[in-house]
N, C-alpha and C. Protein backbone atom coordinates (compact mmCIF):
# COMPACT_ATOMS: atom_id res chain seq x y z
N SER A 1 47.81 78.22 72.12
CA SER A 1 47.49 79.48 72.75
C SER A 1 45.99 80.05 72.51
N THR A 2 45.37 79.37 71.58
CA THR A 2 44.01 79.80 71.49
C THR A 2 43.21 79.30 72.51
N ARG A 3 42.13 80.21 72.82
CA ARG A 3 41.18 79.76 73.88
C ARG A 3 39.93 79.00 73.52
N PRO A 4 39.76 77.88 73.94
CA PRO A 4 38.52 77.30 73.51
C PRO A 4 37.46 77.70 74.52
N ASP A 5 36.23 77.14 74.42
CA ASP A 5 35.07 77.61 75.24
C ASP A 5 34.99 77.00 76.58
N ASP A 6 35.89 76.02 76.78
CA ASP A 6 35.87 75.36 78.08
C ASP A 6 36.56 75.98 79.28
N HIS A 7 37.04 77.22 79.08
CA HIS A 7 37.65 78.00 80.02
C HIS A 7 39.10 77.62 80.49
N ARG A 8 39.60 76.52 79.93
CA ARG A 8 40.87 76.07 80.36
C ARG A 8 41.91 76.43 79.22
N ARG A 9 43.09 76.88 79.61
CA ARG A 9 44.02 77.20 78.54
C ARG A 9 44.73 75.83 78.07
N LYS A 10 44.71 75.88 76.72
CA LYS A 10 45.41 74.66 76.00
C LYS A 10 46.71 75.12 75.46
N TRP A 11 47.76 74.39 75.78
CA TRP A 11 49.09 74.71 75.20
C TRP A 11 49.43 74.02 73.96
N ASP A 12 50.03 74.73 73.07
CA ASP A 12 50.39 74.10 71.81
C ASP A 12 51.86 73.55 72.07
N ARG A 13 52.01 72.31 72.34
CA ARG A 13 53.27 71.75 72.63
C ARG A 13 54.25 71.85 71.66
N ALA A 14 53.87 71.58 70.28
CA ALA A 14 54.75 71.62 69.26
C ALA A 14 55.43 73.07 69.12
N GLU A 15 54.64 74.14 69.32
CA GLU A 15 55.25 75.54 69.12
C GLU A 15 56.20 75.90 70.28
N TYR A 16 55.81 75.35 71.57
CA TYR A 16 56.70 75.67 72.60
C TYR A 16 58.00 74.76 72.58
N GLN A 17 57.95 73.60 72.07
CA GLN A 17 58.94 72.77 71.76
C GLN A 17 60.07 73.37 71.02
N LYS A 18 59.43 74.08 69.79
CA LYS A 18 60.25 74.71 68.76
C LYS A 18 60.97 75.89 69.45
N LEU A 19 60.17 76.78 70.24
CA LEU A 19 60.82 77.91 70.96
C LEU A 19 61.93 77.46 71.76
N ALA A 20 61.64 76.28 72.54
CA ALA A 20 62.82 75.91 73.52
C ALA A 20 63.98 75.50 72.83
N GLN A 21 63.87 74.75 71.72
CA GLN A 21 65.01 74.25 70.95
C GLN A 21 65.86 75.52 70.34
N GLU A 22 65.00 76.58 69.84
CA GLU A 22 65.71 77.67 69.29
C GLU A 22 66.55 78.45 70.38
N ARG A 23 65.96 78.56 71.62
CA ARG A 23 66.65 79.16 72.72
C ARG A 23 67.85 78.39 73.06
N ILE A 24 67.84 77.22 73.05
CA ILE A 24 68.99 76.31 73.40
C ILE A 24 70.01 76.47 72.27
N ARG A 25 69.68 76.59 71.10
CA ARG A 25 70.63 76.78 70.02
C ARG A 25 71.36 78.24 70.17
N ASN A 26 70.56 79.17 70.51
CA ASN A 26 71.24 80.61 70.82
C ASN A 26 72.16 80.61 71.92
N LEU A 27 71.82 79.90 73.01
CA LEU A 27 72.65 79.79 74.21
C LEU A 27 73.94 79.10 73.83
N LYS A 28 73.92 78.00 73.03
CA LYS A 28 75.04 77.26 72.53
C LYS A 28 76.04 78.14 71.62
N ALA A 29 75.31 78.87 70.74
CA ALA A 29 76.10 79.98 69.90
C ALA A 29 76.85 80.89 70.81
N GLU A 30 76.22 81.37 71.76
CA GLU A 30 76.76 82.43 72.63
C GLU A 30 77.99 81.75 73.43
N ASP A 31 77.77 80.58 73.95
CA ASP A 31 78.75 79.94 74.74
C ASP A 31 80.12 79.63 73.86
N ASP A 32 79.79 79.30 72.47
CA ASP A 32 80.92 78.93 71.69
C ASP A 32 81.73 80.26 71.32
N ASP A 33 81.10 81.47 71.40
CA ASP A 33 81.70 82.75 71.06
C ASP A 33 82.63 83.09 72.42
N SER A 34 82.02 82.92 73.59
CA SER A 34 82.63 83.28 74.83
C SER A 34 83.74 82.24 75.42
N LYS A 35 83.80 81.13 74.75
CA LYS A 35 84.81 80.05 75.27
C LYS A 35 86.28 80.47 74.88
N GLU A 36 86.48 81.42 74.15
CA GLU A 36 87.84 81.82 73.81
C GLU A 36 88.45 82.39 75.05
N PRO A 37 89.70 81.58 75.39
CA PRO A 37 90.27 81.87 76.76
C PRO A 37 90.93 83.33 76.72
N VAL A 38 90.86 83.94 77.74
CA VAL A 38 91.43 85.24 77.94
C VAL A 38 92.83 85.09 78.46
N GLN A 39 93.79 85.60 77.70
CA GLN A 39 95.11 85.49 78.14
C GLN A 39 95.63 86.62 79.17
N ARG A 40 96.01 86.19 80.29
CA ARG A 40 96.29 87.15 81.35
C ARG A 40 97.74 87.01 81.67
N GLU A 41 98.32 88.04 82.21
CA GLU A 41 99.68 88.06 82.61
C GLU A 41 99.95 87.31 83.88
N THR A 42 101.17 86.89 84.00
CA THR A 42 101.35 86.14 85.41
C THR A 42 101.49 87.27 86.51
N LEU A 43 101.38 86.87 87.54
CA LEU A 43 101.32 87.66 88.75
C LEU A 43 102.84 88.41 88.88
N LYS A 44 102.79 89.72 89.04
CA LYS A 44 104.06 90.53 89.18
C LYS A 44 103.99 91.29 90.54
N ARG A 45 105.20 91.72 90.91
CA ARG A 45 105.19 92.45 92.25
C ARG A 45 104.97 93.81 91.82
N ARG A 46 104.36 94.68 92.82
CA ARG A 46 103.96 96.03 92.66
C ARG A 46 105.26 96.88 92.49
N ASP A 47 105.12 97.86 91.51
CA ASP A 47 106.26 98.84 91.42
C ASP A 47 106.09 100.08 92.12
N TYR A 48 105.05 100.08 93.01
CA TYR A 48 104.59 101.44 93.84
C TYR A 48 104.40 100.92 95.28
N LYS A 49 104.54 101.88 96.18
CA LYS A 49 104.17 101.60 97.62
C LYS A 49 102.79 101.91 97.83
N VAL A 50 102.15 101.04 98.52
CA VAL A 50 100.68 101.23 98.93
C VAL A 50 100.59 102.22 99.92
N ASP A 51 99.79 103.32 99.77
CA ASP A 51 99.80 104.49 100.68
C ASP A 51 98.59 104.11 101.69
N LEU A 52 98.98 103.67 102.81
CA LEU A 52 97.89 103.43 103.91
C LEU A 52 97.99 104.52 105.08
N ASP A 53 99.02 105.13 105.14
CA ASP A 53 99.21 106.17 106.17
C ASP A 53 98.55 107.58 105.87
N SER A 54 98.30 107.96 104.63
CA SER A 54 97.71 109.26 104.43
C SER A 54 96.43 109.54 105.01
N LYS A 55 95.59 108.59 105.39
CA LYS A 55 94.31 108.78 105.84
C LYS A 55 94.13 108.33 107.27
N LEU A 56 95.48 108.16 107.92
CA LEU A 56 95.45 107.71 109.28
C LEU A 56 95.15 108.91 110.12
N GLY A 57 94.14 108.74 111.03
CA GLY A 57 93.78 109.78 112.03
C GLY A 57 93.03 110.98 111.43
N LYS A 58 92.51 110.87 110.28
CA LYS A 58 91.77 111.90 109.74
C LYS A 58 90.30 111.75 109.84
N SER A 59 89.62 113.05 109.96
CA SER A 59 88.14 112.83 109.96
C SER A 59 87.57 113.49 108.76
N VAL A 60 86.61 112.83 108.29
CA VAL A 60 85.96 113.32 106.89
C VAL A 60 84.50 113.39 107.06
N VAL A 61 83.96 114.46 106.65
CA VAL A 61 82.42 114.64 106.76
C VAL A 61 81.89 114.16 105.30
N ILE A 62 81.06 113.24 105.50
CA ILE A 62 80.39 112.62 104.32
C ILE A 62 78.91 112.82 104.39
N ASN A 63 78.32 113.35 103.21
CA ASN A 63 76.95 113.40 103.03
C ASN A 63 76.44 112.45 102.03
N LYS A 64 75.19 112.67 101.54
CA LYS A 64 74.80 111.59 100.52
C LYS A 64 75.22 112.03 99.16
N ASN A 65 75.64 113.28 99.04
CA ASN A 65 76.10 113.75 97.59
C ASN A 65 77.64 113.50 97.48
N THR A 66 78.40 113.22 98.49
CA THR A 66 79.74 112.81 98.44
C THR A 66 80.05 111.57 97.42
N PRO A 67 80.95 111.92 96.50
CA PRO A 67 81.30 110.69 95.64
C PRO A 67 81.96 109.56 96.36
N THR A 68 81.80 108.33 95.84
CA THR A 68 82.37 107.13 96.62
C THR A 68 83.89 107.31 96.61
N SER A 69 84.61 107.89 95.65
CA SER A 69 85.95 108.03 95.84
C SER A 69 86.47 108.84 96.98
N GLN A 70 85.65 109.67 97.52
CA GLN A 70 86.04 110.61 98.69
C GLN A 70 85.32 110.20 99.90
N SER A 71 84.54 109.21 99.94
CA SER A 71 83.80 108.73 101.11
C SER A 71 84.85 108.17 102.09
N GLY A 72 84.31 107.76 103.21
CA GLY A 72 85.22 107.05 104.33
C GLY A 72 85.82 105.93 103.92
N GLY A 73 86.99 105.57 104.17
CA GLY A 73 87.64 104.31 103.90
C GLY A 73 88.60 104.52 102.71
N TYR A 74 89.09 103.35 102.22
CA TYR A 74 90.10 103.29 101.22
C TYR A 74 89.37 102.97 99.77
N TYR A 75 89.67 103.73 98.88
CA TYR A 75 88.81 103.56 97.56
C TYR A 75 89.84 102.90 96.60
N CYS A 76 89.33 101.93 95.92
CA CYS A 76 90.09 101.20 94.80
C CYS A 76 89.52 101.70 93.50
N ASN A 77 90.41 102.32 92.82
CA ASN A 77 89.95 103.09 91.51
C ASN A 77 89.83 101.90 90.42
N VAL A 78 90.60 100.80 90.55
CA VAL A 78 90.44 99.69 89.60
C VAL A 78 89.15 98.97 89.70
N CYS A 79 88.63 98.66 90.88
CA CYS A 79 87.54 97.96 90.92
C CYS A 79 86.25 98.86 91.29
N ASP A 80 86.61 100.11 91.49
CA ASP A 80 85.42 100.98 91.87
C ASP A 80 84.68 100.66 93.20
N CYS A 81 85.41 100.41 94.25
CA CYS A 81 84.77 99.93 95.46
C CYS A 81 85.43 100.61 96.61
N VAL A 82 84.84 100.76 97.73
CA VAL A 82 85.34 101.41 98.95
C VAL A 82 85.38 100.24 100.06
N VAL A 83 86.61 100.14 100.57
CA VAL A 83 86.88 99.23 101.70
C VAL A 83 87.11 100.09 102.90
N LYS A 84 86.49 99.67 104.06
CA LYS A 84 86.59 100.40 105.27
C LYS A 84 87.77 100.44 106.06
N ASP A 85 88.62 99.49 106.09
CA ASP A 85 89.81 99.48 106.84
C ASP A 85 91.14 99.08 106.13
N SER A 86 92.22 99.31 106.65
CA SER A 86 93.39 99.03 105.88
C SER A 86 93.80 97.68 105.73
N ILE A 87 93.42 96.81 106.66
CA ILE A 87 93.68 95.41 106.54
C ILE A 87 92.86 94.74 105.44
N ASN A 88 91.58 95.13 105.31
CA ASN A 88 90.64 94.58 104.20
C ASN A 88 91.02 95.20 102.93
N PHE A 89 91.60 96.40 102.97
CA PHE A 89 92.13 96.98 101.66
C PHE A 89 93.27 96.24 101.19
N LEU A 90 94.18 95.92 101.96
CA LEU A 90 95.33 95.06 101.62
C LEU A 90 94.89 93.65 101.17
N ASP A 91 93.86 93.08 101.85
CA ASP A 91 93.36 91.79 101.19
C ASP A 91 92.68 91.94 99.93
N HIS A 92 91.94 93.09 99.74
CA HIS A 92 91.33 93.47 98.45
C HIS A 92 92.40 93.59 97.24
N ILE A 93 93.48 94.31 97.47
CA ILE A 93 94.45 94.50 96.36
C ILE A 93 95.30 93.38 96.08
N ASN A 94 95.22 92.39 97.13
CA ASN A 94 95.99 91.19 96.84
C ASN A 94 95.23 90.06 96.34
N GLY A 95 93.87 90.29 96.23
CA GLY A 95 92.93 89.27 95.97
C GLY A 95 92.73 89.04 94.54
N LYS A 96 91.96 87.86 94.25
CA LYS A 96 91.66 87.46 92.91
C LYS A 96 91.01 88.46 92.08
N LYS A 97 89.91 88.99 92.73
CA LYS A 97 89.08 90.09 91.91
C LYS A 97 89.88 91.23 91.40
N HIS A 98 90.65 91.81 92.35
CA HIS A 98 91.40 92.96 91.84
C HIS A 98 92.42 92.62 90.88
N GLN A 99 93.26 91.53 91.05
CA GLN A 99 94.16 91.19 90.29
C GLN A 99 93.62 90.73 88.83
N ARG A 100 92.46 90.16 88.87
CA ARG A 100 91.78 89.95 87.56
C ARG A 100 91.42 91.21 86.71
N ASN A 101 90.97 92.29 87.49
CA ASN A 101 90.70 93.46 86.91
C ASN A 101 91.87 94.24 86.32
N LEU A 102 92.98 94.01 86.97
CA LEU A 102 94.45 94.47 86.47
C LEU A 102 94.86 93.73 85.26
N GLY A 103 94.21 92.61 84.95
CA GLY A 103 94.60 91.78 83.84
C GLY A 103 95.66 90.70 84.14
N MET A 104 95.67 90.28 85.44
CA MET A 104 96.71 89.35 85.76
C MET A 104 95.98 88.04 86.26
N SER A 105 96.53 87.01 86.23
CA SER A 105 96.24 85.73 86.74
C SER A 105 96.77 85.52 88.05
N MET A 106 96.38 84.62 88.83
CA MET A 106 96.95 84.44 90.16
C MET A 106 98.27 83.54 90.01
N LYS A 107 98.59 83.22 88.86
CA LYS A 107 99.76 82.16 88.62
C LYS A 107 101.01 83.09 88.66
N VAL A 108 102.23 82.48 89.25
CA VAL A 108 103.29 83.04 89.49
C VAL A 108 104.27 82.53 88.45
N GLU A 109 105.14 83.28 87.86
CA GLU A 109 106.10 82.81 86.86
C GLU A 109 107.21 82.11 87.58
N ARG A 110 107.61 80.95 87.25
CA ARG A 110 108.58 80.13 87.75
C ARG A 110 110.09 80.81 87.38
N SER A 111 110.82 81.11 88.32
CA SER A 111 112.16 81.82 88.15
C SER A 111 113.14 80.71 87.69
N THR A 112 113.95 81.17 86.82
CA THR A 112 115.19 80.26 86.56
C THR A 112 116.37 80.43 87.49
N VAL A 113 117.25 79.49 87.41
CA VAL A 113 118.49 79.64 88.18
C VAL A 113 119.20 80.91 88.16
N ASP A 114 119.27 81.33 86.76
CA ASP A 114 120.05 82.44 86.48
C ASP A 114 119.42 83.73 87.09
N GLN A 115 118.04 83.76 86.97
CA GLN A 115 117.30 84.89 87.51
C GLN A 115 117.57 84.97 89.17
N VAL A 116 117.49 83.76 89.82
CA VAL A 116 117.73 83.74 91.22
C VAL A 116 119.14 84.13 91.60
N LYS A 117 120.20 83.78 90.92
CA LYS A 117 121.52 84.28 91.02
C LYS A 117 121.69 85.69 90.91
N GLU A 118 121.00 86.28 89.91
CA GLU A 118 121.02 87.75 89.58
C GLU A 118 120.44 88.42 90.74
N ARG A 119 119.34 87.96 91.40
CA ARG A 119 118.58 88.48 92.41
C ARG A 119 119.61 88.53 93.69
N PHE A 120 120.19 87.44 93.88
CA PHE A 120 121.19 87.39 95.07
C PHE A 120 122.33 88.52 94.89
N LYS A 121 122.83 88.55 93.76
CA LYS A 121 123.91 89.50 93.31
C LYS A 121 123.34 90.89 93.86
N ILE A 122 122.09 91.27 93.36
CA ILE A 122 121.48 92.59 93.66
C ILE A 122 121.38 92.74 95.06
N ASN A 123 120.76 91.80 95.74
CA ASN A 123 120.63 91.97 97.18
C ASN A 123 121.85 92.06 98.00
N LYS A 124 123.03 91.36 97.45
CA LYS A 124 124.25 91.44 98.00
C LYS A 124 124.91 92.90 98.06
N LYS A 125 124.66 93.41 96.62
CA LYS A 125 125.15 94.68 96.68
C LYS A 125 124.43 95.73 97.45
N LYS A 126 123.23 95.63 97.56
CA LYS A 126 122.37 96.51 98.57
C LYS A 126 122.84 96.36 99.86
N MET A 127 123.17 95.20 100.37
CA MET A 127 123.68 95.07 101.72
C MET A 127 125.13 95.62 102.02
N GLU A 128 125.89 95.45 100.90
CA GLU A 128 127.21 96.10 101.03
C GLU A 128 127.08 97.59 101.03
N GLU A 129 126.23 98.26 100.20
CA GLU A 129 125.91 99.65 100.15
C GLU A 129 125.56 100.06 101.67
N LYS A 130 124.67 99.33 102.13
CA LYS A 130 124.09 99.72 103.56
C LYS A 130 125.20 99.67 104.52
N GLN A 131 126.01 98.53 104.49
CA GLN A 131 127.17 98.49 105.37
C GLN A 131 128.05 99.61 105.20
N LYS A 132 128.48 100.07 103.92
CA LYS A 132 129.37 101.12 103.78
C LYS A 132 128.70 102.49 104.33
N ASP A 133 127.45 102.71 104.13
CA ASP A 133 126.83 103.82 104.67
C ASP A 133 126.84 103.83 106.27
N TYR A 134 126.54 102.65 106.79
CA TYR A 134 126.75 102.36 108.22
C TYR A 134 128.10 102.81 108.72
N GLU A 135 129.12 102.35 108.02
CA GLU A 135 130.48 102.67 108.39
C GLU A 135 130.82 104.06 108.31
N LEU A 136 130.32 104.61 107.18
CA LEU A 136 130.61 106.09 107.06
C LEU A 136 129.94 106.95 108.17
N GLU A 137 128.75 106.57 108.52
CA GLU A 137 128.04 107.24 109.68
C GLU A 137 128.77 107.09 111.10
N LYS A 138 129.23 105.71 111.19
CA LYS A 138 130.06 105.42 112.46
C LYS A 138 131.34 106.31 112.31
N ARG A 139 132.11 106.39 111.40
CA ARG A 139 133.26 107.06 111.30
C ARG A 139 132.96 108.62 111.51
N LEU A 140 131.97 109.12 111.06
CA LEU A 140 131.57 110.52 111.09
C LEU A 140 131.20 110.75 112.56
N ARG A 141 130.48 109.98 113.15
CA ARG A 141 130.09 110.08 114.64
C ARG A 141 131.29 109.97 115.53
N GLU A 142 132.16 109.04 115.23
CA GLU A 142 133.38 109.06 115.99
C GLU A 142 134.36 110.18 115.88
N ALA A 143 134.36 110.82 114.59
CA ALA A 143 135.25 112.06 114.45
C ALA A 143 134.54 113.20 115.12
N LYS A 144 133.26 113.22 115.17
CA LYS A 144 132.57 114.35 115.87
C LYS A 144 132.88 114.17 117.37
N GLU A 145 132.82 113.09 118.01
CA GLU A 145 132.99 112.83 119.35
C GLU A 145 134.44 113.09 119.68
N GLU A 146 135.46 112.83 118.80
CA GLU A 146 136.89 113.15 119.12
C GLU A 146 137.03 114.64 119.01
N GLU A 147 136.35 115.27 118.10
CA GLU A 147 136.45 116.68 118.04
C GLU A 147 135.87 117.37 119.37
N GLU A 148 134.83 116.97 119.89
CA GLU A 148 134.14 117.28 121.13
C GLU A 148 135.11 117.02 122.22
N ARG A 149 135.81 116.02 122.34
CA ARG A 149 136.70 115.79 123.43
C ARG A 149 137.85 116.59 123.40
N TYR A 150 138.35 116.90 122.11
CA TYR A 150 139.44 117.80 121.97
C TYR A 150 139.15 119.28 122.28
N LYS A 151 137.93 119.66 122.01
CA LYS A 151 137.43 121.10 122.43
C LYS A 151 137.31 121.07 124.08
N GLU A 152 136.80 120.09 124.53
CA GLU A 152 136.69 119.96 126.03
C GLU A 152 138.01 120.03 126.73
N HIS A 153 138.92 119.23 126.12
CA HIS A 153 140.27 119.25 126.63
C HIS A 153 140.97 120.70 126.60
N LYS A 154 140.70 121.24 125.40
CA LYS A 154 141.21 122.66 125.29
C LYS A 154 140.58 123.62 126.36
N LYS A 155 139.33 123.48 126.61
CA LYS A 155 138.65 124.25 127.68
C LYS A 155 139.23 124.03 129.00
N GLU A 156 139.53 122.78 129.28
CA GLU A 156 140.11 122.55 130.63
C GLU A 156 141.45 123.15 130.75
N ARG A 157 142.26 123.16 129.69
CA ARG A 157 143.63 123.71 129.65
C ARG A 157 143.47 125.13 129.93
N ARG A 158 142.47 125.81 129.28
CA ARG A 158 142.41 127.29 129.55
C ARG A 158 142.01 127.63 130.95
N LYS A 159 141.06 126.75 131.44
CA LYS A 159 140.76 127.03 132.96
C LYS A 159 141.91 126.75 133.91
N ASP A 160 142.72 125.87 133.64
CA ASP A 160 143.84 125.53 134.40
C ASP A 160 144.84 126.74 134.36
N ARG A 161 145.12 127.28 133.11
CA ARG A 161 146.00 128.51 132.95
C ARG A 161 145.57 129.56 133.83
N LYS A 162 144.01 129.83 133.79
CA LYS A 162 143.53 131.03 134.42
C LYS A 162 143.76 130.70 135.93
N ARG A 163 143.61 129.60 136.53
CA ARG A 163 143.76 129.35 137.88
C ARG A 163 145.16 129.63 138.36
N LYS A 164 146.09 129.21 137.44
CA LYS A 164 147.62 129.32 137.79
C LYS A 164 147.94 130.83 137.63
N ALA A 165 147.33 131.53 136.83
CA ALA A 165 147.76 132.99 136.56
C ALA A 165 147.07 133.72 137.80
N ASP A 166 146.04 133.37 138.31
CA ASP A 166 145.34 134.04 139.43
C ASP A 166 145.90 133.70 140.71
């Protein structure tokens, strides 16, 4: 790095070789520390409903001072980003980047036979409850129709009596 009289810069190869080796050692030391694998949860289903309808058909005035969470589009508070439409928002929340920020890997836990049987039982109970609700609604509707027919029949009888009396 010293400047001789001939205007050309002369490089001290030994000095720069030593600096390069030191830099390589530092990078390897950093890599060894960061190689510790991060343990992430397996992918789980959401326990909440994604709200896409709340902003449907609404107009929002945006200026340069508006925070990103209130600007136009769908805001993801996990990733701190704004997505402009609902399809891309769904793609984002189901994507790798978002799931990684939530602390999940994209691997799905393999279900056991017992878990599948339990899920079938739960779904069967739900279907039976829906069927019962439907039958109850059907019976209520039929009872109401029967009552209306009875009232109509009574009305007709009264009219007939009035005609006979006149």
